[in-house]
Amino acid sequence: NYGKAIITQSVQRLYLPMSEEELKFL
């Protein structure tokens, strides 16, 4: 899963406002 690998290997992450559904999925 390339997207998950990129996110988990990131040093910094910035999550801008998301809907409740997107937060739950994440």
PDB file of all heavy atoms in Angstrom:
ATOM      1  N   ASN A   1       0.880  -1.164   0.000  1.00  0.00           N
ATOM      2  CA  ASN A   1       0.000   0.000   0.000  1.00  0.00           C
ATOM      3  C   ASN A   1       0.921   1.219   0.000  1.00  0.00           C
ATOM      4  O   ASN A   1       1.489   1.582   1.026  1.00  0.00           O
ATOM      5  CB  ASN A   1      -0.912  -0.006   1.228  1.00  0.00           C
ATOM      6  CG  ASN A   1      -1.883   1.144   1.233  1.00  0.00           C
ATOM      7  OD1 ASN A   1      -1.587   2.223   0.730  1.00  0.00           O
ATOM      8  ND2 ASN A   1      -3.038   0.931   1.815  1.00  0.00           N
ATOM      9  N   TYR A   2       1.097   1.842  -1.162  1.00  0.00           N
ATOM     10  CA  TYR A   2       2.069   2.919  -1.316  1.00  0.00           C
ATOM     11  C   TYR A   2       1.694   4.163  -0.519  1.00  0.00           C
ATOM     12  O   TYR A   2       2.552   4.806   0.074  1.00  0.00           O
ATOM     13  CB  TYR A   2       2.260   3.263  -2.795  1.00  0.00           C
ATOM     14  CG  TYR A   2       2.936   2.154  -3.541  1.00  0.00           C
ATOM     15  CD1 TYR A   2       2.215   1.262  -4.321  1.00  0.00           C
ATOM     16  CD2 TYR A   2       4.309   1.970  -3.445  1.00  0.00           C
ATOM     17  CE1 TYR A   2       2.837   0.232  -4.993  1.00  0.00           C
ATOM     18  CE2 TYR A   2       4.946   0.939  -4.116  1.00  0.00           C
ATOM     19  CZ  TYR A   2       4.206   0.076  -4.892  1.00  0.00           C
ATOM     20  OH  TYR A   2       4.826  -0.949  -5.544  1.00  0.00           O
ATOM     21  N   GLY A   3       0.418   4.508  -0.506  1.00  0.00           N
ATOM     22  CA  GLY A   3      -0.012   5.670   0.257  1.00  0.00           C
ATOM     23  C   GLY A   3       0.263   5.514   1.736  1.00  0.00           C
ATOM     24  O   GLY A   3       0.779   6.416   2.395  1.00  0.00           O
ATOM     25  N   LYS A   4      -0.037   4.350   2.281  1.00  0.00           N
ATOM     26  CA  LYS A   4       0.205   4.091   3.698  1.00  0.00           C
ATOM     27  C   LYS A   4       1.704   4.092   3.998  1.00  0.00           C
ATOM     28  O   LYS A   4       2.144   4.640   5.011  1.00  0.00           O
ATOM     29  CB  LYS A   4      -0.410   2.752   4.105  1.00  0.00           C
ATOM     30  CG  LYS A   4      -0.321   2.469   5.583  1.00  0.00           C
ATOM     31  CD  LYS A   4      -1.083   1.209   5.937  1.00  0.00           C
ATOM     32  CE  LYS A   4      -1.049   0.956   7.424  1.00  0.00           C
ATOM     33  NZ  LYS A   4      -1.832  -0.233   7.782  1.00  0.00           N
ATOM     34  N   ALA A   5       2.514   3.515   3.108  1.00  0.00           N
ATOM     35  CA  ALA A   5       3.969   3.502   3.307  1.00  0.00           C
ATOM     36  C   ALA A   5       4.531   4.917   3.333  1.00  0.00           C
ATOM     37  O   ALA A   5       5.391   5.241   4.162  1.00  0.00           O
ATOM     38  CB  ALA A   5       4.641   2.689   2.211  1.00  0.00           C
ATOM     39  N   ILE A   6       4.027   5.773   2.461  1.00  0.00           N
ATOM     40  CA  ILE A   6       4.510   7.159   2.417  1.00  0.00           C
ATOM     41  C   ILE A   6       4.130   7.893   3.695  1.00  0.00           C
ATOM     42  O   ILE A   6       4.947   8.583   4.304  1.00  0.00           O
ATOM     43  CB  ILE A   6       3.972   7.882   1.170  1.00  0.00           C
ATOM     44  CG1 ILE A   6       4.641   7.308  -0.076  1.00  0.00           C
ATOM     45  CG2 ILE A   6       4.195   9.386   1.267  1.00  0.00           C
ATOM     46  CD1 ILE A   6       4.040   7.770  -1.379  1.00  0.00           C
ATOM     47  N   ILE A   7       2.895   7.723   4.138  1.00  0.00           N
ATOM     48  CA  ILE A   7       2.452   8.411   5.356  1.00  0.00           C
ATOM     49  C   ILE A   7       3.221   7.916   6.579  1.00  0.00           C
ATOM     50  O   ILE A   7       3.700   8.704   7.387  1.00  0.00           O
ATOM     51  CB  ILE A   7       0.937   8.231   5.564  1.00  0.00           C
ATOM     52  CG1 ILE A   7       0.168   9.029   4.504  1.00  0.00           C
ATOM     53  CG2 ILE A   7       0.520   8.686   6.959  1.00  0.00           C
ATOM     54  CD1 ILE A   7      -1.321   8.804   4.520  1.00  0.00           C
ATOM     55  N   THR A   8       3.366   6.600   6.718  1.00  0.00           N
ATOM     56  CA  THR A   8       4.011   6.072   7.914  1.00  0.00           C
ATOM     57  C   THR A   8       5.514   6.324   7.948  1.00  0.00           C
ATOM     58  O   THR A   8       6.108   6.356   9.021  1.00  0.00           O
ATOM     59  CB  THR A   8       3.737   4.562   8.079  1.00  0.00           C
ATOM     60  OG1 THR A   8       4.167   3.872   6.908  1.00  0.00           O
ATOM     61  CG2 THR A   8       2.271   4.298   8.324  1.00  0.00           C
ATOM     62  N   GLN A   9       6.145   6.527   6.791  1.00  0.00           N
ATOM     63  CA  GLN A   9       7.576   6.814   6.752  1.00  0.00           C
ATOM     64  C   GLN A   9       7.872   8.312   6.788  1.00  0.00           C
ATOM     65  O   GLN A   9       9.024   8.717   6.789  1.00  0.00           O
ATOM     66  CB  GLN A   9       8.211   6.209   5.500  1.00  0.00           C
ATOM     67  CG  GLN A   9       8.216   4.701   5.520  1.00  0.00           C
ATOM     68  CD  GLN A   9       8.823   4.126   4.258  1.00  0.00           C
ATOM     69  OE1 GLN A   9       9.575   4.778   3.558  1.00  0.00           O
ATOM     70  NE2 GLN A   9       8.485   2.888   3.962  1.00  0.00           N
ATOM     71  N   SER A  10       6.847   9.117   6.845  1.00  0.00           N
ATOM     72  CA  SER A  10       7.029  10.566   6.871  1.00  0.00           C
ATOM     73  C   SER A  10       7.535  11.028   8.227  1.00  0.00           C
ATOM     74  O   SER A  10       7.116  10.512   9.265  1.00  0.00           O
ATOM     75  CB  SER A  10       5.704  11.274   6.571  1.00  0.00           C
ATOM     76  OG  SER A  10       5.261  10.953   5.285  1.00  0.00           O
ATOM     77  N   VAL A  11       8.401  12.012   8.206  1.00  0.00           N
ATOM     78  CA  VAL A  11       8.919  12.585   9.442  1.00  0.00           C
ATOM     79  C   VAL A  11       7.887  13.541  10.031  1.00  0.00           C
ATOM     80  O   VAL A  11       7.665  13.583  11.229  1.00  0.00           O
ATOM     81  CB  VAL A  11      10.256  13.312   9.180  1.00  0.00           C
ATOM     82  CG1 VAL A  11      10.738  14.037  10.419  1.00  0.00           C
ATOM     83  CG2 VAL A  11      11.303  12.321   8.704  1.00  0.00           C
ATOM     84  N   GLN A  12       7.248  14.315   9.177  1.00  0.00           N
ATOM     85  CA  GLN A  12       6.222  15.258   9.623  1.00  0.00           C
ATOM     86  C   GLN A  12       4.946  15.013   8.834  1.00  0.00           C
ATOM     87  O   GLN A  12       4.990  14.694   7.650  1.00  0.00           O
ATOM     88  CB  GLN A  12       6.671  16.697   9.403  1.00  0.00           C
ATOM     89  CG  GLN A  12       7.857  17.091  10.237  1.00  0.00           C
ATOM     90  CD  GLN A  12       8.255  18.541   9.986  1.00  0.00           C
ATOM     91  OE1 GLN A  12       7.954  19.099   8.947  1.00  0.00           O
ATOM     92  NE2 GLN A  12       8.922  19.121  10.943  1.00  0.00           N
ATOM     93  N   ARG A  13       3.819  15.211   9.499  1.00  0.00           N
ATOM     94  CA  ARG A  13       2.516  15.074   8.850  1.00  0.00           C
ATOM     95  C   ARG A  13       1.656  16.261   9.245  1.00  0.00           C
ATOM     96  O   ARG A  13       1.666  16.654  10.404  1.00  0.00           O
ATOM     97  CB  ARG A  13       1.833  13.784   9.297  1.00  0.00           C
ATOM     98  CG  ARG A  13       2.616  12.557   8.961  1.00  0.00           C
ATOM     99  CD  ARG A  13       1.939  11.318   9.547  1.00  0.00           C
ATOM    100  NE  ARG A  13       2.872  10.224   9.521  1.00  0.00           N
ATOM    101  CZ  ARG A  13       3.365   9.640  10.589  1.00  0.00           C
ATOM    102  NH1 ARG A  13       2.989  10.026  11.792  1.00  0.00           N
ATOM    103  NH2 ARG A  13       4.213   8.657  10.482  1.00  0.00           N
ATOM    104  N   LEU A  14       0.934  16.786   8.301  1.00  0.00           N
ATOM    105  CA  LEU A  14       0.016  17.893   8.570  1.00  0.00           C
ATOM    106  C   LEU A  14      -1.354  17.483   8.048  1.00  0.00           C
ATOM    107  O   LEU A  14      -1.529  17.247   6.853  1.00  0.00           O
ATOM    108  CB  LEU A  14       0.484  19.171   7.857  1.00  0.00           C
ATOM    109  CG  LEU A  14      -0.471  20.361   7.905  1.00  0.00           C
ATOM    110  CD1 LEU A  14      -0.665  20.829   9.342  1.00  0.00           C
ATOM    111  CD2 LEU A  14       0.056  21.492   7.034  1.00  0.00           C
ATOM    112  N   TYR A  15      -2.289  17.345   8.951  1.00  0.00           N
ATOM    113  CA  TYR A  15      -3.657  16.998   8.584  1.00  0.00           C
ATOM    114  C   TYR A  15      -4.512  18.251   8.739  1.00  0.00           C
ATOM    115  O   TYR A  15      -4.693  18.733   9.850  1.00  0.00           O
ATOM    116  CB  TYR A  15      -4.212  15.888   9.481  1.00  0.00           C
ATOM    117  CG  TYR A  15      -3.422  14.601   9.412  1.00  0.00           C
ATOM    118  CD1 TYR A  15      -2.680  14.169  10.497  1.00  0.00           C
ATOM    119  CD2 TYR A  15      -3.433  13.826   8.263  1.00  0.00           C
ATOM    120  CE1 TYR A  15      -1.964  12.987  10.431  1.00  0.00           C
ATOM    121  CE2 TYR A  15      -2.715  12.648   8.191  1.00  0.00           C
ATOM    122  CZ  TYR A  15      -1.989  12.230   9.286  1.00  0.00           C
ATOM    123  OH  TYR A  15      -1.277  11.061   9.237  1.00  0.00           O
ATOM    124  N   LEU A  16      -5.006  18.752   7.647  1.00  0.00           N
ATOM    125  CA  LEU A  16      -5.886  19.915   7.676  1.00  0.00           C
ATOM    126  C   LEU A  16      -7.295  19.452   8.034  1.00  0.00           C
ATOM    127  O   LEU A  16      -7.570  18.257   8.065  1.00  0.00           O
ATOM    128  CB  LEU A  16      -5.837  20.628   6.333  1.00  0.00           C
ATOM    129  CG  LEU A  16      -4.453  21.181   5.972  1.00  0.00           C
ATOM    130  CD1 LEU A  16      -4.467  21.781   4.574  1.00  0.00           C
ATOM    131  CD2 LEU A  16      -3.973  22.201   6.982  1.00  0.00           C
ATOM    132  N   PRO A  17      -8.193  20.389   8.321  1.00  0.00           N
ATOM    133  CA  PRO A  17      -9.544  19.997   8.738  1.00  0.00           C
ATOM    134  C   PRO A  17     -10.179  18.973   7.796  1.00  0.00           C
ATOM    135  O   PRO A  17     -10.105  19.101   6.576  1.00  0.00           O
ATOM    136  CB  PRO A  17     -10.319  21.307   8.721  1.00  0.00           C
ATOM    137  CG  PRO A  17      -9.284  22.352   8.970  1.00  0.00           C
ATOM    138  CD  PRO A  17      -8.051  21.852   8.280  1.00  0.00           C
ATOM    139  N   MET A  18     -10.758  17.939   8.409  1.00  0.00           N
ATOM    140  CA  MET A  18     -11.410  16.873   7.658  1.00  0.00           C
ATOM    141  C   MET A  18     -12.787  16.626   8.244  1.00  0.00           C
ATOM    142  O   MET A  18     -13.057  16.995   9.387  1.00  0.00           O
ATOM    143  CB  MET A  18     -10.602  15.573   7.767  1.00  0.00           C
ATOM    144  CG  MET A  18      -9.279  15.586   7.065  1.00  0.00           C
ATOM    145  SD  MET A  18      -8.513  13.952   7.157  1.00  0.00           S
ATOM    146  CE  MET A  18      -7.239  14.275   8.355  1.00  0.00           C
ATOM    147  N   SER A  19     -13.603  15.958   7.466  1.00  0.00           N
ATOM    148  CA  SER A  19     -14.924  15.596   7.964  1.00  0.00           C
ATOM    149  C   SER A  19     -14.775  14.465   8.983  1.00  0.00           C
ATOM    150  O   SER A  19     -13.751  13.795   9.054  1.00  0.00           O
ATOM    151  CB  SER A  19     -15.824  15.141   6.809  1.00  0.00           C
ATOM    152  OG  SER A  19     -15.359  13.909   6.289  1.00  0.00           O
ATOM    153  N   GLU A  20     -15.801  14.266   9.775  1.00  0.00           N
ATOM    154  CA  GLU A  20     -15.784  13.204  10.779  1.00  0.00           C
ATOM    155  C   GLU A  20     -15.561  11.839  10.126  1.00  0.00           C
ATOM    156  O   GLU A  20     -14.846  10.987  10.656  1.00  0.00           O
ATOM    157  CB  GLU A  20     -17.097  13.198  11.568  1.00  0.00           C
ATOM    158  CG  GLU A  20     -17.274  14.389  12.481  1.00  0.00           C
ATOM    159  CD  GLU A  20     -16.290  14.385  13.648  1.00  0.00           C
ATOM    160  OE1 GLU A  20     -15.956  13.290  14.140  1.00  0.00           O
ATOM    161  OE2 GLU A  20     -15.869  15.469  14.057  1.00  0.00           O
ATOM    162  N   GLU A  21     -16.177  11.638   8.968  1.00  0.00           N
ATOM    163  CA  GLU A  21     -16.037  10.368   8.250  1.00  0.00           C
ATOM    164  C   GLU A  21     -14.582  10.124   7.828  1.00  0.00           C
ATOM    165  O   GLU A  21     -14.067   9.016   7.967  1.00  0.00           O
ATOM    166  CB  GLU A  21     -16.946  10.375   7.020  1.00  0.00           C
ATOM    167  CG  GLU A  21     -16.938   9.086   6.237  1.00  0.00           C
ATOM    168  CD  GLU A  21     -17.874   9.163   5.048  1.00  0.00           C
ATOM    169  OE1 GLU A  21     -19.068   9.462   5.250  1.00  0.00           O
ATOM    170  OE2 GLU A  21     -17.402   8.925   3.929  1.00  0.00           O
ATOM    171  N   GLU A  22     -13.910  11.176   7.341  1.00  0.00           N
ATOM    172  CA  GLU A  22     -12.506  11.044   6.942  1.00  0.00           C
ATOM    173  C   GLU A  22     -11.607  10.775   8.146  1.00  0.00           C
ATOM    174  O   GLU A  22     -10.681   9.968   8.068  1.00  0.00           O
ATOM    175  CB  GLU A  22     -12.038  12.300   6.214  1.00  0.00           C
ATOM    176  CG  GLU A  22     -12.641  12.455   4.837  1.00  0.00           C
ATOM    177  CD  GLU A  22     -12.281  13.778   4.195  1.00  0.00           C
ATOM    178  OE1 GLU A  22     -12.278  14.811   4.908  1.00  0.00           O
ATOM    179  OE2 GLU A  22     -11.994  13.782   2.995  1.00  0.00           O
ATOM    180  N   LEU A  23     -11.866  11.434   9.268  1.00  0.00           N
ATOM    181  CA  LEU A  23     -11.087  11.198  10.478  1.00  0.00           C
ATOM    182  C   LEU A  23     -11.234   9.761  10.964  1.00  0.00           C
ATOM    183  O   LEU A  23     -10.252   9.114  11.333  1.00  0.00           O
ATOM    184  CB  LEU A  23     -11.522  12.152  11.591  1.00  0.00           C
ATOM    185  CG  LEU A  23     -11.038  13.585  11.472  1.00  0.00           C
ATOM    186  CD1 LEU A  23     -11.705  14.459  12.525  1.00  0.00           C
ATOM    187  CD2 LEU A  23      -9.527  13.651  11.601  1.00  0.00           C
ATOM    188  N   LYS A  24     -12.449   9.251  10.940  1.00  0.00           N
ATOM    189  CA  LYS A  24     -12.679   7.879  11.374  1.00  0.00           C
ATOM    190  C   LYS A  24     -11.949   6.894  10.468  1.00  0.00           C
ATOM    191  O   LYS A  24     -11.321   5.958  10.945  1.00  0.00           O
ATOM    192  CB  LYS A  24     -14.187   7.589  11.376  1.00  0.00           C
ATOM    193  CG  LYS A  24     -14.547   6.252  11.952  1.00  0.00           C
ATOM    194  CD  LYS A  24     -16.039   6.080  12.049  1.00  0.00           C
ATOM    195  CE  LYS A  24     -16.355   4.737  12.660  1.00  0.00           C
ATOM    196  NZ  LYS A  24     -17.787   4.524  12.829  1.00  0.00           N
ATOM    197  N   PHE A  25     -12.013   7.132   9.158  1.00  0.00           N
ATOM    198  CA  PHE A  25     -11.323   6.270   8.205  1.00  0.00           C
ATOM    199  C   PHE A  25      -9.813   6.289   8.468  1.00  0.00           C
ATOM    200  O   PHE A  25      -9.164   5.240   8.494  1.00  0.00           O
ATOM    201  CB  PHE A  25     -11.602   6.723   6.764  1.00  0.00           C
ATOM    202  CG  PHE A  25     -10.817   5.963   5.742  1.00  0.00           C
ATOM    203  CD1 PHE A  25     -11.223   4.704   5.333  1.00  0.00           C
ATOM    204  CD2 PHE A  25      -9.661   6.496   5.193  1.00  0.00           C
ATOM    205  CE1 PHE A  25     -10.480   3.992   4.399  1.00  0.00           C
ATOM    206  CE2 PHE A  25      -8.921   5.791   4.270  1.00  0.00           C
ATOM    207  CZ  PHE A  25      -9.336   4.535   3.859  1.00  0.00           C
ATOM    208  N   LEU A  26      -9.245   7.467   8.691  1.00  0.00           N
ATOM    209  CA  LEU A  26      -7.816   7.599   8.941  1.00  0.00           C
ATOM    210  C   LEU A  26      -7.402   6.884  10.217  1.00  0.00           C
ATOM    211  O   LEU A  26      -6.389   6.186  10.258  1.00  0.00           O
ATOM    212  CB  LEU A  26      -7.433   9.083   9.016  1.00  0.00           C
ATOM    213  CG  LEU A  26      -5.956   9.419   9.097  1.00  0.00           C
ATOM    214  CD1 LEU A  26      -5.225   8.883   7.878  1.00  0.00           C
ATOM    215  CD2 LEU A  26      -5.769  10.913   9.195  1.00  0.00           C
TER     216      LEU A  26
END
